[in-house]
Amino acid sequence: RNINLEDQIQSAVNDYYRTQKTALFLTENDTF
């Protein structure tokens, strides 16, 4: 928002959310 890229927020939020879910899934299934 501070750099006037409001139109990028939805895709950024989606990517962040998908990444967090993937990271949690892999952390639970891969020790390393």
ModelCIF file with pLDDT and N, C-alpha, C, O atoms, coordinates in Angstrom:
data_MODEL
#
_entry.id   MODEL 
#
_entity.id                         1 
_entity.type                       polymer 
_entity.pdbx_number_of_molecules   1 
#
_entity_poly.entity_id                      1 
_entity_poly.type                           'polypeptide(L)' 
_entity_poly.nstd_linkage                   no 
_entity_poly.nstd_monomer                   no 
_entity_poly.pdbx_seq_one_letter_code       RNINLEDQIQSAVNDYYRTQKTALFLTENDTF 
_entity_poly.pdbx_seq_one_letter_code_can   RNINLEDQIQSAVNDYYRTQKTALFLTENDTF 
_entity_poly.pdbx_strand_id                 A 
#
loop_
_entity_poly_seq.entity_id 
_entity_poly_seq.num 
_entity_poly_seq.mon_id 
_entity_poly_seq.hetero 
1 1  ARG n 
1 2  ASN n 
1 3  ILE n 
1 4  ASN n 
1 5  LEU n 
1 6  GLU n 
1 7  ASP n 
1 8  GLN n 
1 9  ILE n 
1 10 GLN n 
1 11 SER n 
1 12 ALA n 
1 13 VAL n 
1 14 ASN n 
1 15 ASP n 
1 16 TYR n 
1 17 TYR n 
1 18 ARG n 
1 19 THR n 
1 20 GLN n 
1 21 LYS n 
1 22 THR n 
1 23 ALA n 
1 24 LEU n 
1 25 PHE n 
1 26 LEU n 
1 27 THR n 
1 28 GLU n 
1 29 ASN n 
1 30 ASP n 
1 31 THR n 
1 32 PHE n 
#
_struct_asym.id          A 
_struct_asym.entity_id   1 
#
loop_
_ma_qa_metric.id 
_ma_qa_metric.mode 
_ma_qa_metric.name 
_ma_qa_metric.software_group_id 
_ma_qa_metric.type 
1 global pLDDT . pLDDT 
2 local  pLDDT . pLDDT 
#
_ma_qa_metric_global.metric_id      1 
_ma_qa_metric_global.metric_value   91.50 
_ma_qa_metric_global.model_id       1 
_ma_qa_metric_global.ordinal_id     1 
#
loop_
_ma_qa_metric_local.label_asym_id 
_ma_qa_metric_local.label_comp_id 
_ma_qa_metric_local.label_seq_id 
_ma_qa_metric_local.metric_id 
_ma_qa_metric_local.metric_value 
_ma_qa_metric_local.model_id 
_ma_qa_metric_local.ordinal_id 
A ARG 1  2 96.00 1 1  
A ASN 2  2 95.00 1 2  
A ILE 3  2 96.00 1 3  
A ASN 4  2 96.00 1 4  
A LEU 5  2 97.00 1 5  
A GLU 6  2 96.00 1 6  
A ASP 7  2 97.00 1 7  
A GLN 8  2 97.00 1 8  
A ILE 9  2 97.00 1 9  
A GLN 10 2 97.00 1 10 
A SER 11 2 97.00 1 11 
A ALA 12 2 97.00 1 12 
A VAL 13 2 97.00 1 13 
A ASN 14 2 97.00 1 14 
A ASP 15 2 97.00 1 15 
A TYR 16 2 97.00 1 16 
A TYR 17 2 97.00 1 17 
A ARG 18 2 96.00 1 18 
A THR 19 2 96.00 1 19 
A GLN 20 2 96.00 1 20 
A LYS 21 2 93.00 1 21 
A THR 22 2 93.00 1 22 
A ALA 23 2 93.00 1 23 
A LEU 24 2 91.00 1 24 
A PHE 25 2 85.00 1 25 
A LEU 26 2 86.00 1 26 
A THR 27 2 85.00 1 27 
A GLU 28 2 77.00 1 28 
A ASN 29 2 68.00 1 29 
A ASP 30 2 73.00 1 30 
A THR 31 2 73.00 1 31 
A PHE 32 2 80.00 1 32 
#
loop_
_atom_site.group_PDB 
_atom_site.id 
_atom_site.type_symbol 
_atom_site.label_atom_id 
_atom_site.label_alt_id 
_atom_site.label_comp_id 
_atom_site.label_asym_id 
_atom_site.label_entity_id 
_atom_site.label_seq_id 
_atom_site.pdbx_PDB_ins_code 
_atom_site.Cartn_x 
_atom_site.Cartn_y 
_atom_site.Cartn_z 
_atom_site.occupancy 
_atom_site.B_iso_or_equiv 
_atom_site.pdbx_formal_charge 
_atom_site.auth_seq_id 
_atom_site.auth_comp_id 
_atom_site.auth_asym_id 
_atom_site.auth_atom_id 
_atom_site.pdbx_PDB_model_num 
ATOM 1   N N  . ARG A 1 1  ? 0.840  -1.197  0.000  1.00 96.00 ? 1  ARG A N  1 
ATOM 2   C CA . ARG A 1 1  ? 0.000  0.000   0.000  1.00 96.00 ? 1  ARG A CA 1 
ATOM 3   C C  . ARG A 1 1  ? 0.880  1.255   0.000  1.00 96.00 ? 1  ARG A C  1 
ATOM 4   O O  . ARG A 1 1  ? 0.575  2.238   -0.675 1.00 96.00 ? 1  ARG A O  1 
ATOM 5   N N  . ASN A 1 2  ? 1.966  1.206   0.759  1.00 95.00 ? 2  ASN A N  1 
ATOM 6   C CA . ASN A 1 2  ? 2.837  2.380   0.874  1.00 95.00 ? 2  ASN A CA 1 
ATOM 7   C C  . ASN A 1 2  ? 3.563  2.724   -0.417 1.00 95.00 ? 2  ASN A C  1 
ATOM 8   O O  . ASN A 1 2  ? 3.984  3.865   -0.607 1.00 95.00 ? 2  ASN A O  1 
ATOM 9   N N  . ILE A 1 3  ? 3.715  1.753   -1.302 1.00 96.00 ? 3  ILE A N  1 
ATOM 10  C CA . ILE A 1 3  ? 4.376  2.056   -2.591 1.00 96.00 ? 3  ILE A CA 1 
ATOM 11  C C  . ILE A 1 3  ? 3.361  2.018   -3.742 1.00 96.00 ? 3  ILE A C  1 
ATOM 12  O O  . ILE A 1 3  ? 3.715  1.842   -4.908 1.00 96.00 ? 3  ILE A O  1 
ATOM 13  N N  . ASN A 1 4  ? 2.081  2.192   -3.367 1.00 96.00 ? 4  ASN A N  1 
ATOM 14  C CA . ASN A 1 4  ? 0.996  2.338   -4.356 1.00 96.00 ? 4  ASN A CA 1 
ATOM 15  C C  . ASN A 1 4  ? 0.840  1.116   -5.274 1.00 96.00 ? 4  ASN A C  1 
ATOM 16  O O  . ASN A 1 4  ? 0.650  1.248   -6.483 1.00 96.00 ? 4  ASN A O  1 
ATOM 17  N N  . LEU A 1 5  ? 0.927  -0.071  -4.668 1.00 97.00 ? 5  LEU A N  1 
ATOM 18  C CA . LEU A 1 5  ? 0.735  -1.295  -5.455 1.00 97.00 ? 5  LEU A CA 1 
ATOM 19  C C  . LEU A 1 5  ? -0.452 -2.093  -4.899 1.00 97.00 ? 5  LEU A C  1 
ATOM 20  O O  . LEU A 1 5  ? -0.363 -3.300  -4.677 1.00 97.00 ? 5  LEU A O  1 
ATOM 21  N N  . GLU A 1 6  ? -1.562 -1.382  -4.682 1.00 96.00 ? 6  GLU A N  1 
ATOM 22  C CA . GLU A 1 6  ? -2.760 -2.033  -4.159 1.00 96.00 ? 6  GLU A CA 1 
ATOM 23  C C  . GLU A 1 6  ? -3.238 -3.163  -5.070 1.00 96.00 ? 6  GLU A C  1 
ATOM 24  O O  . GLU A 1 6  ? -3.782 -4.159  -4.593 1.00 96.00 ? 6  GLU A O  1 
ATOM 25  N N  . ASP A 1 7  ? -3.037 -3.009  -6.378 1.00 97.00 ? 7  ASP A N  1 
ATOM 26  C CA . ASP A 1 7  ? -3.514 -4.022  -7.319 1.00 97.00 ? 7  ASP A CA 1 
ATOM 27  C C  . ASP A 1 7  ? -2.721 -5.330  -7.240 1.00 97.00 ? 7  ASP A C  1 
ATOM 28  O O  . ASP A 1 7  ? -3.106 -6.333  -7.841 1.00 97.00 ? 7  ASP A O  1 
ATOM 29  N N  . GLN A 1 8  ? -1.614 -5.312  -6.498 1.00 97.00 ? 8  GLN A N  1 
ATOM 30  C CA . GLN A 1 8  ? -0.807 -6.521  -6.338 1.00 97.00 ? 8  GLN A CA 1 
ATOM 31  C C  . GLN A 1 8  ? -1.107 -7.266  -5.037 1.00 97.00 ? 8  GLN A C  1 
ATOM 32  O O  . GLN A 1 8  ? -0.590 -8.359  -4.806 1.00 97.00 ? 8  GLN A O  1 
ATOM 33  N N  . ILE A 1 9  ? -1.948 -6.667  -4.190 1.00 97.00 ? 9  ILE A N  1 
ATOM 34  C CA . ILE A 1 9  ? -2.142 -7.226  -2.851 1.00 97.00 ? 9  ILE A CA 1 
ATOM 35  C C  . ILE A 1 9  ? -2.830 -8.586  -2.885 1.00 97.00 ? 9  ILE A C  1 
ATOM 36  O O  . ILE A 1 9  ? -2.428 -9.494  -2.157 1.00 97.00 ? 9  ILE A O  1 
ATOM 37  N N  . GLN A 1 10 ? -3.853 -8.743  -3.708 1.00 97.00 ? 10 GLN A N  1 
ATOM 38  C CA . GLN A 1 10 ? -4.572 -10.030 -3.730 1.00 97.00 ? 10 GLN A CA 1 
ATOM 39  C C  . GLN A 1 10 ? -3.653 -11.178 -4.130 1.00 97.00 ? 10 GLN A C  1 
ATOM 40  O O  . GLN A 1 10 ? -3.659 -12.226 -3.484 1.00 97.00 ? 10 GLN A O  1 
ATOM 41  N N  . SER A 1 11 ? -2.873 -10.998 -5.177 1.00 97.00 ? 11 SER A N  1 
ATOM 42  C CA . SER A 1 11 ? -1.969 -12.072 -5.600 1.00 97.00 ? 11 SER A CA 1 
ATOM 43  C C  . SER A 1 11 ? -0.897 -12.319 -4.545 1.00 97.00 ? 11 SER A C  1 
ATOM 44  O O  . SER A 1 11 ? -0.489 -13.460 -4.325 1.00 97.00 ? 11 SER A O  1 
ATOM 45  N N  . ALA A 1 12 ? -0.435 -11.238 -3.886 1.00 97.00 ? 12 ALA A N  1 
ATOM 46  C CA . ALA A 1 12 ? 0.586  -11.383 -2.837 1.00 97.00 ? 12 ALA A CA 1 
ATOM 47  C C  . ALA A 1 12 ? 0.029  -12.165 -1.655 1.00 97.00 ? 12 ALA A C  1 
ATOM 48  O O  . ALA A 1 12 ? 0.696  -13.050 -1.117 1.00 97.00 ? 12 ALA A O  1 
ATOM 49  N N  . VAL A 1 13 ? -1.191 -11.836 -1.256 1.00 97.00 ? 13 VAL A N  1 
ATOM 50  C CA . VAL A 1 13 ? -1.834 -12.535 -0.140 1.00 97.00 ? 13 VAL A CA 1 
ATOM 51  C C  . VAL A 1 13 ? -2.031 -14.011 -0.476 1.00 97.00 ? 13 VAL A C  1 
ATOM 52  O O  . VAL A 1 13 ? -1.786 -14.874 0.366  1.00 97.00 ? 13 VAL A O  1 
ATOM 53  N N  . ASN A 1 14 ? -2.471 -14.308 -1.699 1.00 97.00 ? 14 ASN A N  1 
ATOM 54  C CA . ASN A 1 14 ? -2.650 -15.702 -2.117 1.00 97.00 ? 14 ASN A CA 1 
ATOM 55  C C  . ASN A 1 14 ? -1.331 -16.470 -2.055 1.00 97.00 ? 14 ASN A C  1 
ATOM 56  O O  . ASN A 1 14 ? -1.276 -17.579 -1.525 1.00 97.00 ? 14 ASN A O  1 
ATOM 57  N N  . ASP A 1 15 ? -0.267 -15.871 -2.602 1.00 97.00 ? 15 ASP A N  1 
ATOM 58  C CA . ASP A 1 15 ? 1.039  -16.536 -2.614 1.00 97.00 ? 15 ASP A CA 1 
ATOM 59  C C  . ASP A 1 15 ? 1.559  -16.756 -1.195 1.00 97.00 ? 15 ASP A C  1 
ATOM 60  O O  . ASP A 1 15 ? 2.108  -17.813 -0.885 1.00 97.00 ? 15 ASP A O  1 
ATOM 61  N N  . TYR A 1 16 ? 1.383  -15.763 -0.348 1.00 97.00 ? 16 TYR A N  1 
ATOM 62  C CA . TYR A 1 16 ? 1.830  -15.878 1.043  1.00 97.00 ? 16 TYR A CA 1 
ATOM 63  C C  . TYR A 1 16 ? 1.081  -17.013 1.742  1.00 97.00 ? 16 TYR A C  1 
ATOM 64  O O  . TYR A 1 16 ? 1.689  -17.841 2.421  1.00 97.00 ? 16 TYR A O  1 
ATOM 65  N N  . TYR A 1 17 ? -0.239 -17.046 1.572  1.00 97.00 ? 17 TYR A N  1 
ATOM 66  C CA . TYR A 1 17 ? -1.082 -18.046 2.224  1.00 97.00 ? 17 TYR A CA 1 
ATOM 67  C C  . TYR A 1 17 ? -0.727 -19.456 1.732  1.00 97.00 ? 17 TYR A C  1 
ATOM 68  O O  . TYR A 1 17 ? -0.601 -20.383 2.532  1.00 97.00 ? 17 TYR A O  1 
ATOM 69  N N  . ARG A 1 18 ? -0.568 -19.611 0.411  1.00 96.00 ? 18 ARG A N  1 
ATOM 70  C CA . ARG A 1 18 ? -0.232 -20.915 -0.150 1.00 96.00 ? 18 ARG A CA 1 
ATOM 71  C C  . ARG A 1 18 ? 1.136  -21.391 0.331  1.00 96.00 ? 18 ARG A C  1 
ATOM 72  O O  . ARG A 1 18 ? 1.342  -22.578 0.588  1.00 96.00 ? 18 ARG A O  1 
ATOM 73  N N  . THR A 1 19 ? 2.062  -20.448 0.446  1.00 96.00 ? 19 THR A N  1 
ATOM 74  C CA . THR A 1 19 ? 3.408  -20.785 0.899  1.00 96.00 ? 19 THR A CA 1 
ATOM 75  C C  . THR A 1 19 ? 3.412  -21.224 2.352  1.00 96.00 ? 19 THR A C  1 
ATOM 76  O O  . THR A 1 19 ? 4.082  -22.193 2.710  1.00 96.00 ? 19 THR A O  1 
ATOM 77  N N  . GLN A 1 20 ? 2.665  -20.513 3.193  1.00 96.00 ? 20 GLN A N  1 
ATOM 78  C CA . GLN A 1 20 ? 2.618  -20.873 4.602  1.00 96.00 ? 20 GLN A CA 1 
ATOM 79  C C  . GLN A 1 20 ? 2.010  -22.267 4.798  1.00 96.00 ? 20 GLN A C  1 
ATOM 80  O O  . GLN A 1 20 ? 2.490  -23.044 5.623  1.00 96.00 ? 20 GLN A O  1 
ATOM 81  N N  . LYS A 1 21 ? 0.962  -22.578 4.046  1.00 93.00 ? 21 LYS A N  1 
ATOM 82  C CA . LYS A 1 21 ? 0.335  -23.891 4.162  1.00 93.00 ? 21 LYS A CA 1 
ATOM 83  C C  . LYS A 1 21 ? 1.273  -24.991 3.660  1.00 93.00 ? 21 LYS A C  1 
ATOM 84  O O  . LYS A 1 21 ? 1.344  -26.072 4.245  1.00 93.00 ? 21 LYS A O  1 
ATOM 85  N N  . THR A 1 22 ? 1.990  -24.704 2.570  1.00 93.00 ? 22 THR A N  1 
ATOM 86  C CA . THR A 1 22 ? 2.941  -25.680 2.039  1.00 93.00 ? 22 THR A CA 1 
ATOM 87  C C  . THR A 1 22 ? 4.089  -25.901 3.008  1.00 93.00 ? 22 THR A C  1 
ATOM 88  O O  . THR A 1 22 ? 4.510  -27.037 3.229  1.00 93.00 ? 22 THR A O  1 
ATOM 89  N N  . ALA A 1 23 ? 4.595  -24.818 3.587  1.00 93.00 ? 23 ALA A N  1 
ATOM 90  C CA . ALA A 1 23 ? 5.710  -24.927 4.538  1.00 93.00 ? 23 ALA A CA 1 
ATOM 91  C C  . ALA A 1 23 ? 5.296  -25.723 5.767  1.00 93.00 ? 23 ALA A C  1 
ATOM 92  O O  . ALA A 1 23 ? 6.069  -26.542 6.265  1.00 93.00 ? 23 ALA A O  1 
ATOM 93  N N  . LEU A 1 24 ? 4.085  -25.490 6.260  1.00 91.00 ? 24 LEU A N  1 
ATOM 94  C CA . LEU A 1 24 ? 3.591  -26.228 7.426  1.00 91.00 ? 24 LEU A CA 1 
ATOM 95  C C  . LEU A 1 24 ? 3.454  -27.710 7.098  1.00 91.00 ? 24 LEU A C  1 
ATOM 96  O O  . LEU A 1 24 ? 3.832  -28.572 7.891  1.00 91.00 ? 24 LEU A O  1 
ATOM 97  N N  . PHE A 1 25 ? 2.911  -27.990 5.927  1.00 85.00 ? 25 PHE A N  1 
ATOM 98  C CA . PHE A 1 25 ? 2.738  -29.378 5.479  1.00 85.00 ? 25 PHE A CA 1 
ATOM 99  C C  . PHE A 1 25 ? 4.081  -30.099 5.395  1.00 85.00 ? 25 PHE A C  1 
ATOM 100 O O  . PHE A 1 25 ? 4.212  -31.233 5.857  1.00 85.00 ? 25 PHE A O  1 
ATOM 101 N N  . LEU A 1 26 ? 5.087  -29.433 4.799  1.00 86.00 ? 26 LEU A N  1 
ATOM 102 C CA . LEU A 1 26 ? 6.400  -30.063 4.633  1.00 86.00 ? 26 LEU A CA 1 
ATOM 103 C C  . LEU A 1 26 ? 7.139  -30.190 5.955  1.00 86.00 ? 26 LEU A C  1 
ATOM 104 O O  . LEU A 1 26 ? 7.847  -31.172 6.179  1.00 86.00 ? 26 LEU A O  1 
ATOM 105 N N  . THR A 1 27 ? 6.979  -29.213 6.824  1.00 85.00 ? 27 THR A N  1 
ATOM 106 C CA . THR A 1 27 ? 7.633  -29.277 8.136  1.00 85.00 ? 27 THR A CA 1 
ATOM 107 C C  . THR A 1 27 ? 7.128  -30.474 8.932  1.00 85.00 ? 27 THR A C  1 
ATOM 108 O O  . THR A 1 27 ? 7.885  -31.100 9.674  1.00 85.00 ? 27 THR A O  1 
ATOM 109 N N  . GLU A 1 28 ? 5.859  -30.785 8.775  1.00 77.00 ? 28 GLU A N  1 
ATOM 110 C CA . GLU A 1 28 ? 5.273  -31.917 9.493  1.00 77.00 ? 28 GLU A CA 1 
ATOM 111 C C  . GLU A 1 28 ? 5.710  -33.252 8.908  1.00 77.00 ? 28 GLU A C  1 
ATOM 112 O O  . GLU A 1 28 ? 5.656  -34.277 9.588  1.00 77.00 ? 28 GLU A O  1 
ATOM 113 N N  . ASN A 1 29 ? 6.150  -33.245 7.632  1.00 68.00 ? 29 ASN A N  1 
ATOM 114 C CA . ASN A 1 29 ? 6.451  -34.494 6.945  1.00 68.00 ? 29 ASN A CA 1 
ATOM 115 C C  . ASN A 1 29 ? 7.921  -34.685 6.598  1.00 68.00 ? 29 ASN A C  1 
ATOM 116 O O  . ASN A 1 29 ? 8.303  -35.753 6.122  1.00 68.00 ? 29 ASN A O  1 
ATOM 117 N N  . ASP A 1 30 ? 8.752  -33.674 6.826  1.00 73.00 ? 30 ASP A N  1 
ATOM 118 C CA . ASP A 1 30 ? 10.169 -33.755 6.485  1.00 73.00 ? 30 ASP A CA 1 
ATOM 119 C C  . ASP A 1 30 ? 10.978 -33.146 7.619  1.00 73.00 ? 30 ASP A C  1 
ATOM 120 O O  . ASP A 1 30 ? 10.894 -31.945 7.875  1.00 73.00 ? 30 ASP A O  1 
ATOM 121 N N  . THR A 1 31 ? 11.758 -33.974 8.295  1.00 73.00 ? 31 THR A N  1 
ATOM 122 C CA . THR A 1 31 ? 12.528 -33.541 9.465  1.00 73.00 ? 31 THR A CA 1 
ATOM 123 C C  . THR A 1 31 ? 13.485 -32.401 9.139  1.00 73.00 ? 31 THR A C  1 
ATOM 124 O O  . THR A 1 31 ? 13.737 -31.542 9.985  1.00 73.00 ? 31 THR A O  1 
ATOM 125 N N  . PHE A 1 32 ? 14.022 -32.386 7.917  1.00 80.00 ? 32 PHE A N  1 
ATOM 126 C CA . PHE A 1 32 ? 15.061 -31.429 7.557  1.00 80.00 ? 32 PHE A CA 1 
ATOM 127 C C  . PHE A 1 32 ? 14.522 -30.182 6.861  1.00 80.00 ? 32 PHE A C  1 
ATOM 128 O O  . PHE A 1 32 ? 15.294 -29.292 6.503  1.00 80.00 ? 32 PHE A O  1 
#
